[in-house]
Amino acid sequence: MTFSLPIAAEANALLDRDPLALLVGMVLDQQIPLEKAFSSPYVLAQRLGHAPTAEELAAYDPEALIAIFAEPPALHRFPKAMAGRVQEVCQVLVGTYDGAAANLWQDAADGKELVKRIAALPGFGKQKSQIFAALLGKQYGVQPPGWREAAGAYGEEGSHRSVADIVDAESLGKVRAFKKEMKAVAR
């Protein structure tokens, strides 16, 4: 299945072919619209002139990376914090996964290990880790034994809870309706 968000085709294509771009999109997916979060890796690649590697971002001058994130239009609502978060995640990838984002999930023995690995990344709590595991399973075929259970409700087939479930405009609408309903319940 090809990831298909309502963003530029080039941005979707980058998410499909570059595991680091997908992970960076997930890192940025907080307190901004998901379209902005998942299109920002493409904008980052445009600003750098190429799709960056984890090694490159891990070693990037922090102030220069903040400036790239803050350049209008900013890649995130909080460019300084999120440039730092992306850099921290890339440093973990370099130190633990040979600099390859796909190594984070490729040989996970089961869904619990997958979620545990994701949750060890800076900025990934339980919910975000489960959503990313569900995204990997539903959209990218990363399906170690027990991945649906480890992803919790986000792994349920036919659910419309998160970015993991978005394949077209209709499913985006269902996810937005679910999130709106959850916010109303929380109040």
N, C-alpha and C. Protein backbone atom coordinates (compact mmCIF):
# COMPACT_ATOMS: atom_id res chain seq x y z
N MET A 1 0.85 -1.19 0.00
CA MET A 1 0.00 0.00 0.00
C MET A 1 0.89 1.24 0.00
N THR A 2 0.45 2.23 -0.69
CA THR A 2 1.18 3.48 -0.74
C THR A 2 0.55 4.47 0.22
N PHE A 3 1.38 5.09 1.01
CA PHE A 3 0.91 6.11 1.94
C PHE A 3 0.36 7.25 1.11
N SER A 4 -0.83 7.71 1.44
CA SER A 4 -1.44 8.76 0.64
C SER A 4 -2.17 9.74 1.53
N LEU A 5 -1.48 10.76 1.91
CA LEU A 5 -2.08 11.86 2.66
C LEU A 5 -2.46 12.95 1.69
N PRO A 6 -3.37 13.85 2.09
CA PRO A 6 -3.73 14.96 1.22
C PRO A 6 -2.64 16.04 1.23
N ILE A 7 -1.47 15.65 0.73
CA ILE A 7 -0.32 16.55 0.62
C ILE A 7 0.25 16.37 -0.79
N ALA A 8 1.24 17.16 -1.13
CA ALA A 8 1.84 17.09 -2.46
C ALA A 8 2.30 15.67 -2.78
N ALA A 9 2.11 15.28 -4.02
CA ALA A 9 2.50 13.93 -4.46
C ALA A 9 3.98 13.67 -4.17
N GLU A 10 4.81 14.70 -4.35
CA GLU A 10 6.25 14.54 -4.09
C GLU A 10 6.51 14.24 -2.62
N ALA A 11 5.74 14.87 -1.73
CA ALA A 11 5.90 14.63 -0.29
C ALA A 11 5.49 13.20 0.05
N ASN A 12 4.37 12.74 -0.50
CA ASN A 12 3.95 11.35 -0.29
C ASN A 12 4.99 10.37 -0.83
N ALA A 13 5.55 10.68 -2.00
CA ALA A 13 6.54 9.79 -2.60
C ALA A 13 7.78 9.69 -1.71
N LEU A 14 8.20 10.81 -1.12
CA LEU A 14 9.35 10.77 -0.21
C LEU A 14 9.04 9.91 1.00
N LEU A 15 7.85 10.04 1.56
CA LEU A 15 7.46 9.21 2.71
C LEU A 15 7.47 7.73 2.35
N ASP A 16 7.10 7.41 1.12
CA ASP A 16 7.07 6.01 0.68
C ASP A 16 8.45 5.42 0.48
N ARG A 17 9.39 6.23 0.02
CA ARG A 17 10.70 5.65 -0.32
C ARG A 17 11.77 5.88 0.75
N ASP A 18 11.54 6.78 1.68
CA ASP A 18 12.57 7.15 2.65
C ASP A 18 12.08 6.94 4.08
N PRO A 19 12.51 5.84 4.72
CA PRO A 19 12.06 5.57 6.09
C PRO A 19 12.37 6.70 7.07
N LEU A 20 13.49 7.41 6.87
CA LEU A 20 13.80 8.52 7.78
C LEU A 20 12.78 9.64 7.61
N ALA A 21 12.37 9.94 6.39
CA ALA A 21 11.35 10.98 6.16
C ALA A 21 10.06 10.60 6.88
N LEU A 22 9.68 9.34 6.81
CA LEU A 22 8.47 8.89 7.49
C LEU A 22 8.61 9.08 9.00
N LEU A 23 9.74 8.68 9.55
CA LEU A 23 9.96 8.83 10.99
C LEU A 23 9.98 10.30 11.39
N VAL A 24 10.62 11.15 10.60
CA VAL A 24 10.65 12.58 10.91
C VAL A 24 9.23 13.15 10.88
N GLY A 25 8.43 12.73 9.90
CA GLY A 25 7.03 13.16 9.87
C GLY A 25 6.30 12.79 11.15
N MET A 26 6.55 11.59 11.63
CA MET A 26 5.90 11.15 12.87
C MET A 26 6.42 11.95 14.06
N VAL A 27 7.70 12.25 14.09
CA VAL A 27 8.26 13.08 15.16
C VAL A 27 7.53 14.42 15.20
N LEU A 28 7.32 15.00 14.02
CA LEU A 28 6.71 16.33 13.94
C LEU A 28 5.20 16.33 14.14
N ASP A 29 4.59 15.16 14.14
CA ASP A 29 3.13 15.05 14.23
C ASP A 29 2.64 15.27 15.66
N GLN A 30 2.71 16.51 16.09
CA GLN A 30 2.12 16.91 17.36
C GLN A 30 1.91 18.41 17.34
N GLN A 31 0.76 18.81 17.78
CA GLN A 31 0.37 20.22 17.90
C GLN A 31 0.37 20.99 16.59
N ILE A 32 0.34 20.26 15.47
CA ILE A 32 0.15 20.87 14.16
C ILE A 32 -0.69 19.90 13.33
N PRO A 33 -1.31 20.38 12.26
CA PRO A 33 -2.06 19.46 11.40
C PRO A 33 -1.15 18.38 10.83
N LEU A 34 -1.68 17.17 10.71
CA LEU A 34 -0.85 16.06 10.24
C LEU A 34 -0.34 16.30 8.83
N GLU A 35 -1.08 17.02 8.01
CA GLU A 35 -0.61 17.34 6.67
C GLU A 35 0.69 18.14 6.73
N LYS A 36 0.76 19.07 7.66
CA LYS A 36 1.96 19.89 7.83
C LYS A 36 3.11 19.02 8.34
N ALA A 37 2.83 18.18 9.32
CA ALA A 37 3.87 17.32 9.90
C ALA A 37 4.49 16.40 8.85
N PHE A 38 3.64 15.76 8.05
CA PHE A 38 4.15 14.76 7.11
C PHE A 38 4.61 15.36 5.78
N SER A 39 4.32 16.63 5.52
CA SER A 39 4.89 17.28 4.34
C SER A 39 6.21 17.98 4.68
N SER A 40 6.46 18.22 5.95
CA SER A 40 7.68 18.91 6.36
C SER A 40 8.97 18.16 6.02
N PRO A 41 9.02 16.81 6.04
CA PRO A 41 10.26 16.16 5.61
C PRO A 41 10.62 16.49 4.15
N TYR A 42 9.61 16.64 3.31
CA TYR A 42 9.86 17.02 1.92
C TYR A 42 10.38 18.46 1.84
N VAL A 43 9.79 19.35 2.60
CA VAL A 43 10.24 20.74 2.62
C VAL A 43 11.68 20.80 3.15
N LEU A 44 11.98 20.02 4.18
CA LEU A 44 13.34 19.96 4.71
C LEU A 44 14.32 19.50 3.63
N ALA A 45 13.94 18.47 2.90
CA ALA A 45 14.80 17.97 1.81
C ALA A 45 15.01 19.05 0.75
N GLN A 46 13.96 19.80 0.44
CA GLN A 46 14.09 20.89 -0.54
C GLN A 46 15.07 21.96 -0.03
N ARG A 47 14.95 22.30 1.23
CA ARG A 47 15.82 23.34 1.80
C ARG A 47 17.28 22.90 1.85
N LEU A 48 17.49 21.60 2.07
CA LEU A 48 18.86 21.09 2.12
C LEU A 48 19.41 20.76 0.74
N GLY A 49 18.52 20.63 -0.25
CA GLY A 49 18.93 20.27 -1.59
C GLY A 49 18.99 18.77 -1.82
N HIS A 50 18.62 17.98 -0.82
CA HIS A 50 18.61 16.51 -0.90
C HIS A 50 17.91 15.96 0.34
N ALA A 51 17.49 14.72 0.25
CA ALA A 51 16.91 14.06 1.43
C ALA A 51 18.05 13.76 2.40
N PRO A 52 17.98 14.27 3.61
CA PRO A 52 19.09 14.08 4.54
C PRO A 52 19.15 12.66 5.10
N THR A 53 20.32 12.29 5.56
CA THR A 53 20.49 11.02 6.26
C THR A 53 20.42 11.28 7.75
N ALA A 54 20.25 10.22 8.51
CA ALA A 54 20.26 10.36 9.97
C ALA A 54 21.61 10.85 10.45
N GLU A 55 22.68 10.36 9.83
CA GLU A 55 24.03 10.81 10.21
C GLU A 55 24.18 12.31 10.01
N GLU A 56 23.68 12.79 8.88
CA GLU A 56 23.79 14.21 8.57
C GLU A 56 23.03 15.05 9.60
N LEU A 57 21.79 14.67 9.88
CA LEU A 57 20.99 15.45 10.83
C LEU A 57 21.52 15.33 12.25
N ALA A 58 22.04 14.17 12.61
CA ALA A 58 22.59 13.96 13.96
C ALA A 58 23.79 14.87 14.21
N ALA A 59 24.58 15.10 13.17
CA ALA A 59 25.80 15.88 13.31
C ALA A 59 25.63 17.35 12.91
N TYR A 60 24.44 17.72 12.44
CA TYR A 60 24.22 19.08 11.95
C TYR A 60 24.43 20.09 13.07
N ASP A 61 24.95 21.25 12.71
CA ASP A 61 25.08 22.31 13.70
C ASP A 61 23.68 22.64 14.23
N PRO A 62 23.46 22.53 15.54
CA PRO A 62 22.11 22.73 16.08
C PRO A 62 21.48 24.08 15.72
N GLU A 63 22.25 25.14 15.79
CA GLU A 63 21.70 26.47 15.48
C GLU A 63 21.35 26.58 13.99
N ALA A 64 22.16 25.98 13.14
CA ALA A 64 21.86 26.01 11.70
C ALA A 64 20.62 25.19 11.40
N LEU A 65 20.44 24.06 12.11
CA LEU A 65 19.25 23.24 11.89
C LEU A 65 18.00 23.98 12.37
N ILE A 66 18.11 24.67 13.48
CA ILE A 66 16.98 25.48 13.97
C ILE A 66 16.62 26.54 12.92
N ALA A 67 17.63 27.17 12.34
CA ALA A 67 17.37 28.19 11.32
C ALA A 67 16.64 27.60 10.12
N ILE A 68 17.01 26.39 9.72
CA ILE A 68 16.33 25.72 8.60
C ILE A 68 14.88 25.41 8.97
N PHE A 69 14.65 24.95 10.18
CA PHE A 69 13.29 24.65 10.64
C PHE A 69 12.45 25.90 10.77
N ALA A 70 13.07 27.01 11.14
CA ALA A 70 12.34 28.26 11.39
C ALA A 70 12.10 29.08 10.13
N GLU A 71 12.85 28.80 9.06
CA GLU A 71 12.68 29.57 7.82
C GLU A 71 11.22 29.53 7.38
N PRO A 72 10.64 30.70 7.07
CA PRO A 72 9.23 30.72 6.68
C PRO A 72 8.97 29.98 5.37
N PRO A 73 7.91 29.22 5.29
CA PRO A 73 7.07 28.83 6.42
C PRO A 73 7.79 27.79 7.27
N ALA A 74 7.74 28.00 8.58
CA ALA A 74 8.42 27.11 9.52
C ALA A 74 7.93 25.67 9.34
N LEU A 75 8.83 24.73 9.58
CA LEU A 75 8.48 23.31 9.44
C LEU A 75 7.56 22.83 10.55
N HIS A 76 7.52 23.57 11.64
CA HIS A 76 6.67 23.21 12.78
C HIS A 76 6.35 24.47 13.55
N ARG A 77 5.31 24.40 14.30
CA ARG A 77 4.88 25.51 15.16
C ARG A 77 5.97 25.89 16.17
N PHE A 78 6.74 24.89 16.59
CA PHE A 78 7.84 25.08 17.54
C PHE A 78 9.14 24.65 16.88
N PRO A 79 9.69 25.47 15.98
CA PRO A 79 10.84 25.03 15.19
C PRO A 79 12.07 24.71 16.01
N LYS A 80 12.35 25.47 17.05
CA LYS A 80 13.55 25.21 17.85
C LYS A 80 13.44 23.86 18.56
N ALA A 81 12.34 23.64 19.23
CA ALA A 81 12.16 22.38 19.96
C ALA A 81 12.14 21.18 19.02
N MET A 82 11.47 21.32 17.89
CA MET A 82 11.34 20.17 17.00
C MET A 82 12.60 19.92 16.19
N ALA A 83 13.37 20.94 15.89
CA ALA A 83 14.68 20.70 15.26
C ALA A 83 15.55 19.90 16.22
N GLY A 84 15.51 20.27 17.49
CA GLY A 84 16.26 19.53 18.50
C GLY A 84 15.77 18.10 18.66
N ARG A 85 14.46 17.92 18.62
CA ARG A 85 13.88 16.57 18.75
C ARG A 85 14.28 15.69 17.57
N VAL A 86 14.18 16.23 16.37
CA VAL A 86 14.58 15.47 15.18
C VAL A 86 16.06 15.09 15.28
N GLN A 87 16.88 16.04 15.72
CA GLN A 87 18.30 15.75 15.85
C GLN A 87 18.55 14.66 16.89
N GLU A 88 17.84 14.71 18.01
CA GLU A 88 17.98 13.68 19.05
C GLU A 88 17.58 12.30 18.52
N VAL A 89 16.48 12.24 17.79
CA VAL A 89 16.03 10.97 17.22
C VAL A 89 17.09 10.43 16.26
N CYS A 90 17.63 11.31 15.44
CA CYS A 90 18.67 10.88 14.49
C CYS A 90 19.92 10.42 15.22
N GLN A 91 20.25 11.04 16.33
CA GLN A 91 21.40 10.60 17.12
C GLN A 91 21.17 9.19 17.68
N VAL A 92 19.95 8.89 18.09
CA VAL A 92 19.63 7.53 18.54
C VAL A 92 19.75 6.55 17.37
N LEU A 93 19.24 6.94 16.21
CA LEU A 93 19.35 6.07 15.04
C LEU A 93 20.81 5.77 14.72
N VAL A 94 21.66 6.77 14.78
CA VAL A 94 23.08 6.58 14.50
C VAL A 94 23.72 5.69 15.55
N GLY A 95 23.41 5.94 16.81
CA GLY A 95 24.05 5.20 17.89
C GLY A 95 23.54 3.78 18.08
N THR A 96 22.29 3.54 17.70
CA THR A 96 21.67 2.24 17.99
C THR A 96 21.32 1.44 16.75
N TYR A 97 21.03 2.11 15.65
CA TYR A 97 20.50 1.42 14.47
C TYR A 97 21.34 1.67 13.21
N ASP A 98 22.62 1.89 13.37
CA ASP A 98 23.54 2.11 12.25
C ASP A 98 23.08 3.24 11.32
N GLY A 99 22.35 4.21 11.88
CA GLY A 99 21.93 5.35 11.10
C GLY A 99 20.78 5.11 10.14
N ALA A 100 20.19 3.92 10.21
CA ALA A 100 19.10 3.57 9.27
C ALA A 100 17.77 3.50 10.01
N ALA A 101 16.85 4.38 9.66
CA ALA A 101 15.55 4.39 10.32
C ALA A 101 14.85 3.04 10.19
N ALA A 102 14.97 2.40 9.04
CA ALA A 102 14.30 1.10 8.84
C ALA A 102 14.82 0.04 9.79
N ASN A 103 16.06 0.18 10.25
CA ASN A 103 16.59 -0.80 11.21
C ASN A 103 15.85 -0.76 12.53
N LEU A 104 15.16 0.35 12.79
CA LEU A 104 14.35 0.47 14.00
C LEU A 104 13.27 -0.61 14.02
N TRP A 105 12.73 -0.93 12.86
CA TRP A 105 11.62 -1.88 12.80
C TRP A 105 11.90 -3.17 12.05
N GLN A 106 12.90 -3.21 11.20
CA GLN A 106 13.08 -4.35 10.30
C GLN A 106 13.18 -5.70 10.98
N ASP A 107 13.92 -5.81 12.05
CA ASP A 107 14.11 -7.12 12.65
C ASP A 107 13.47 -7.25 14.04
N ALA A 108 12.47 -6.44 14.30
CA ALA A 108 11.77 -6.56 15.59
C ALA A 108 11.14 -7.95 15.66
N ALA A 109 11.39 -8.66 16.74
CA ALA A 109 10.92 -10.04 16.89
C ALA A 109 9.40 -10.12 16.95
N ASP A 110 8.79 -9.12 17.56
CA ASP A 110 7.33 -9.12 17.68
C ASP A 110 6.85 -7.69 17.88
N GLY A 111 5.53 -7.55 17.95
CA GLY A 111 4.94 -6.22 18.09
C GLY A 111 5.34 -5.52 19.36
N LYS A 112 5.46 -6.27 20.46
CA LYS A 112 5.87 -5.64 21.72
C LYS A 112 7.26 -5.04 21.60
N GLU A 113 8.17 -5.78 20.97
CA GLU A 113 9.53 -5.25 20.79
C GLU A 113 9.50 -4.03 19.88
N LEU A 114 8.69 -4.06 18.84
CA LEU A 114 8.58 -2.93 17.93
C LEU A 114 8.13 -1.68 18.68
N VAL A 115 7.07 -1.79 19.45
CA VAL A 115 6.56 -0.63 20.20
C VAL A 115 7.59 -0.18 21.23
N LYS A 116 8.27 -1.12 21.87
CA LYS A 116 9.29 -0.78 22.85
C LYS A 116 10.43 0.00 22.21
N ARG A 117 10.87 -0.42 21.03
CA ARG A 117 11.94 0.29 20.32
C ARG A 117 11.50 1.71 19.96
N ILE A 118 10.29 1.84 19.45
CA ILE A 118 9.78 3.16 19.07
C ILE A 118 9.67 4.05 20.31
N ALA A 119 9.16 3.48 21.40
CA ALA A 119 8.96 4.24 22.63
C ALA A 119 10.28 4.70 23.24
N ALA A 120 11.38 4.08 22.87
CA ALA A 120 12.69 4.49 23.38
C ALA A 120 13.23 5.73 22.67
N LEU A 121 12.57 6.14 21.60
CA LEU A 121 13.00 7.35 20.88
C LEU A 121 12.56 8.60 21.65
N PRO A 122 13.37 9.65 21.60
CA PRO A 122 12.97 10.90 22.25
C PRO A 122 11.63 11.40 21.71
N GLY A 123 10.72 11.74 22.63
CA GLY A 123 9.43 12.31 22.25
C GLY A 123 8.35 11.30 21.91
N PHE A 124 8.65 10.01 22.02
CA PHE A 124 7.67 8.98 21.70
C PHE A 124 7.17 8.33 22.98
N GLY A 125 5.96 8.71 23.38
CA GLY A 125 5.32 8.05 24.50
C GLY A 125 4.56 6.82 24.01
N LYS A 126 3.78 6.24 24.88
CA LYS A 126 3.04 5.01 24.55
C LYS A 126 2.11 5.21 23.36
N GLN A 127 1.28 6.25 23.41
CA GLN A 127 0.29 6.47 22.35
C GLN A 127 0.96 6.71 21.00
N LYS A 128 1.96 7.58 20.96
CA LYS A 128 2.63 7.90 19.71
C LYS A 128 3.35 6.66 19.17
N SER A 129 3.92 5.87 20.07
CA SER A 129 4.60 4.64 19.66
C SER A 129 3.62 3.64 19.06
N GLN A 130 2.45 3.52 19.67
CA GLN A 130 1.43 2.61 19.14
C GLN A 130 0.92 3.10 17.79
N ILE A 131 0.73 4.39 17.65
CA ILE A 131 0.27 4.95 16.37
C ILE A 131 1.31 4.67 15.28
N PHE A 132 2.59 4.87 15.59
CA PHE A 132 3.61 4.64 14.57
C PHE A 132 3.71 3.16 14.23
N ALA A 133 3.58 2.28 15.22
CA ALA A 133 3.58 0.84 14.94
C ALA A 133 2.40 0.48 14.05
N ALA A 134 1.24 1.08 14.32
CA ALA A 134 0.05 0.84 13.49
C ALA A 134 0.27 1.36 12.07
N LEU A 135 0.87 2.54 11.95
CA LEU A 135 1.17 3.10 10.64
C LEU A 135 2.09 2.17 9.86
N LEU A 136 3.14 1.68 10.51
CA LEU A 136 4.07 0.76 9.86
C LEU A 136 3.36 -0.52 9.43
N GLY A 137 2.51 -1.04 10.30
CA GLY A 137 1.81 -2.29 9.99
C GLY A 137 0.75 -2.14 8.91
N LYS A 138 -0.04 -1.11 9.02
CA LYS A 138 -1.16 -0.93 8.09
C LYS A 138 -0.73 -0.40 6.72
N GLN A 139 0.27 0.47 6.69
CA GLN A 139 0.61 1.13 5.43
C GLN A 139 1.91 0.63 4.80
N TYR A 140 2.78 0.03 5.61
CA TYR A 140 4.11 -0.33 5.11
C TYR A 140 4.43 -1.81 5.23
N GLY A 141 3.48 -2.62 5.67
CA GLY A 141 3.70 -4.05 5.72
C GLY A 141 4.66 -4.51 6.80
N VAL A 142 4.96 -3.67 7.76
CA VAL A 142 5.82 -4.06 8.89
C VAL A 142 4.91 -4.73 9.92
N GLN A 143 4.88 -6.05 9.88
CA GLN A 143 3.89 -6.78 10.66
C GLN A 143 4.51 -7.96 11.43
N PRO A 144 5.39 -7.65 12.39
CA PRO A 144 5.90 -8.74 13.20
C PRO A 144 4.75 -9.37 14.00
N PRO A 145 4.90 -10.62 14.44
CA PRO A 145 3.82 -11.26 15.20
C PRO A 145 3.36 -10.37 16.35
N GLY A 146 2.03 -10.23 16.47
CA GLY A 146 1.45 -9.46 17.57
C GLY A 146 1.49 -7.95 17.39
N TRP A 147 1.75 -7.49 16.17
CA TRP A 147 1.85 -6.03 15.98
C TRP A 147 0.53 -5.32 16.24
N ARG A 148 -0.58 -5.94 15.83
CA ARG A 148 -1.89 -5.27 16.04
C ARG A 148 -2.17 -5.12 17.53
N GLU A 149 -1.93 -6.17 18.29
CA GLU A 149 -2.18 -6.11 19.74
C GLU A 149 -1.26 -5.07 20.40
N ALA A 150 0.00 -5.05 19.99
CA ALA A 150 0.94 -4.09 20.57
C ALA A 150 0.57 -2.65 20.23
N ALA A 151 -0.04 -2.46 19.07
CA ALA A 151 -0.47 -1.12 18.65
C ALA A 151 -1.77 -0.71 19.32
N GLY A 152 -2.35 -1.59 20.10
CA GLY A 152 -3.59 -1.27 20.82
C GLY A 152 -4.73 -0.99 19.85
N ALA A 153 -5.61 -0.09 20.24
CA ALA A 153 -6.76 0.24 19.41
C ALA A 153 -6.35 0.80 18.05
N TYR A 154 -5.15 1.37 17.96
CA TYR A 154 -4.68 1.92 16.69
C TYR A 154 -4.39 0.83 15.66
N GLY A 155 -4.17 -0.39 16.14
CA GLY A 155 -3.90 -1.51 15.24
C GLY A 155 -5.14 -2.21 14.74
N GLU A 156 -6.29 -1.87 15.29
CA GLU A 156 -7.53 -2.54 14.90
C GLU A 156 -7.81 -2.34 13.42
N GLU A 157 -8.17 -3.43 12.78
CA GLU A 157 -8.53 -3.36 11.37
C GLU A 157 -9.83 -2.59 11.23
N GLY A 158 -9.89 -1.70 10.25
CA GLY A 158 -11.10 -0.93 9.99
C GLY A 158 -11.29 0.27 10.90
N SER A 159 -10.34 0.52 11.80
CA SER A 159 -10.48 1.68 12.69
C SER A 159 -10.11 2.95 11.93
N HIS A 160 -10.53 4.07 12.49
CA HIS A 160 -10.21 5.39 11.92
C HIS A 160 -9.83 6.31 13.07
N ARG A 161 -8.70 5.99 13.70
CA ARG A 161 -8.26 6.70 14.90
C ARG A 161 -7.07 7.61 14.69
N SER A 162 -6.25 7.33 13.68
CA SER A 162 -4.98 8.05 13.58
C SER A 162 -4.50 8.11 12.14
N VAL A 163 -3.32 8.70 11.97
CA VAL A 163 -2.68 8.80 10.66
C VAL A 163 -2.47 7.41 10.05
N ALA A 164 -2.39 6.39 10.87
CA ALA A 164 -2.21 5.02 10.38
C ALA A 164 -3.37 4.58 9.49
N ASP A 165 -4.52 5.21 9.63
CA ASP A 165 -5.73 4.79 8.94
C ASP A 165 -6.07 5.65 7.72
N ILE A 166 -5.24 6.62 7.41
CA ILE A 166 -5.57 7.55 6.34
C ILE A 166 -5.00 7.06 5.01
N VAL A 167 -5.91 6.80 4.09
CA VAL A 167 -5.51 6.37 2.74
C VAL A 167 -6.14 7.26 1.66
N ASP A 168 -7.10 8.09 2.05
CA ASP A 168 -7.77 8.97 1.10
C ASP A 168 -8.54 10.04 1.86
N ALA A 169 -9.22 10.91 1.13
CA ALA A 169 -9.94 12.02 1.77
C ALA A 169 -11.05 11.53 2.69
N GLU A 170 -11.72 10.45 2.31
CA GLU A 170 -12.81 9.92 3.14
C GLU A 170 -12.27 9.41 4.48
N SER A 171 -11.18 8.66 4.44
CA SER A 171 -10.62 8.14 5.70
C SER A 171 -10.05 9.28 6.55
N LEU A 172 -9.51 10.31 5.92
CA LEU A 172 -9.05 11.48 6.66
C LEU A 172 -10.22 12.12 7.41
N GLY A 173 -11.34 12.25 6.74
CA GLY A 173 -12.53 12.81 7.38
C GLY A 173 -12.98 11.98 8.58
N LYS A 174 -12.91 10.66 8.45
CA LYS A 174 -13.31 9.78 9.56
C LYS A 174 -12.34 9.91 10.74
N VAL A 175 -11.05 10.02 10.46
CA VAL A 175 -10.06 10.21 11.53
C VAL A 175 -10.30 11.55 12.22
N ARG A 176 -10.53 12.58 11.44
CA ARG A 176 -10.78 13.91 12.03
C ARG A 176 -12.04 13.88 12.90
N ALA A 177 -13.08 13.20 12.44
CA ALA A 177 -14.31 13.11 13.22
C ALA A 177 -14.05 12.36 14.53
N PHE A 178 -13.27 11.28 14.47
CA PHE A 178 -12.95 10.52 15.68
C PHE A 178 -12.19 11.40 16.67
N LYS A 179 -11.19 12.13 16.19
CA LYS A 179 -10.39 12.99 17.07
C LYS A 179 -11.25 14.08 17.70
N LYS A 180 -12.16 14.65 16.91
CA LYS A 180 -13.05 15.69 17.43
C LYS A 180 -13.94 15.12 18.54
N GLU A 181 -14.43 13.92 18.30
CA GLU A 181 -15.28 13.25 19.29
C GLU A 181 -14.49 12.98 20.58
N MET A 182 -13.25 12.56 20.45
CA MET A 182 -12.42 12.27 21.63
C MET A 182 -12.12 13.55 22.42
N LYS A 183 -11.91 14.65 21.71
CA LYS A 183 -11.68 15.93 22.39
C LYS A 183 -12.92 16.36 23.16
N ALA A 184 -14.09 16.16 22.55
CA ALA A 184 -15.34 16.52 23.21
C ALA A 184 -15.56 15.68 24.48
N VAL A 185 -15.23 14.41 24.40
CA VAL A 185 -15.38 13.51 25.56
C VAL A 185 -14.42 13.93 26.68
N ALA A 186 -13.23 14.35 26.29
CA ALA A 186 -12.20 14.74 27.27
C ALA A 186 -12.57 16.01 28.02
N ARG A 187 -13.41 16.83 27.45
CA ARG A 187 -13.81 18.09 28.09
C ARG A 187 -14.78 17.79 29.15
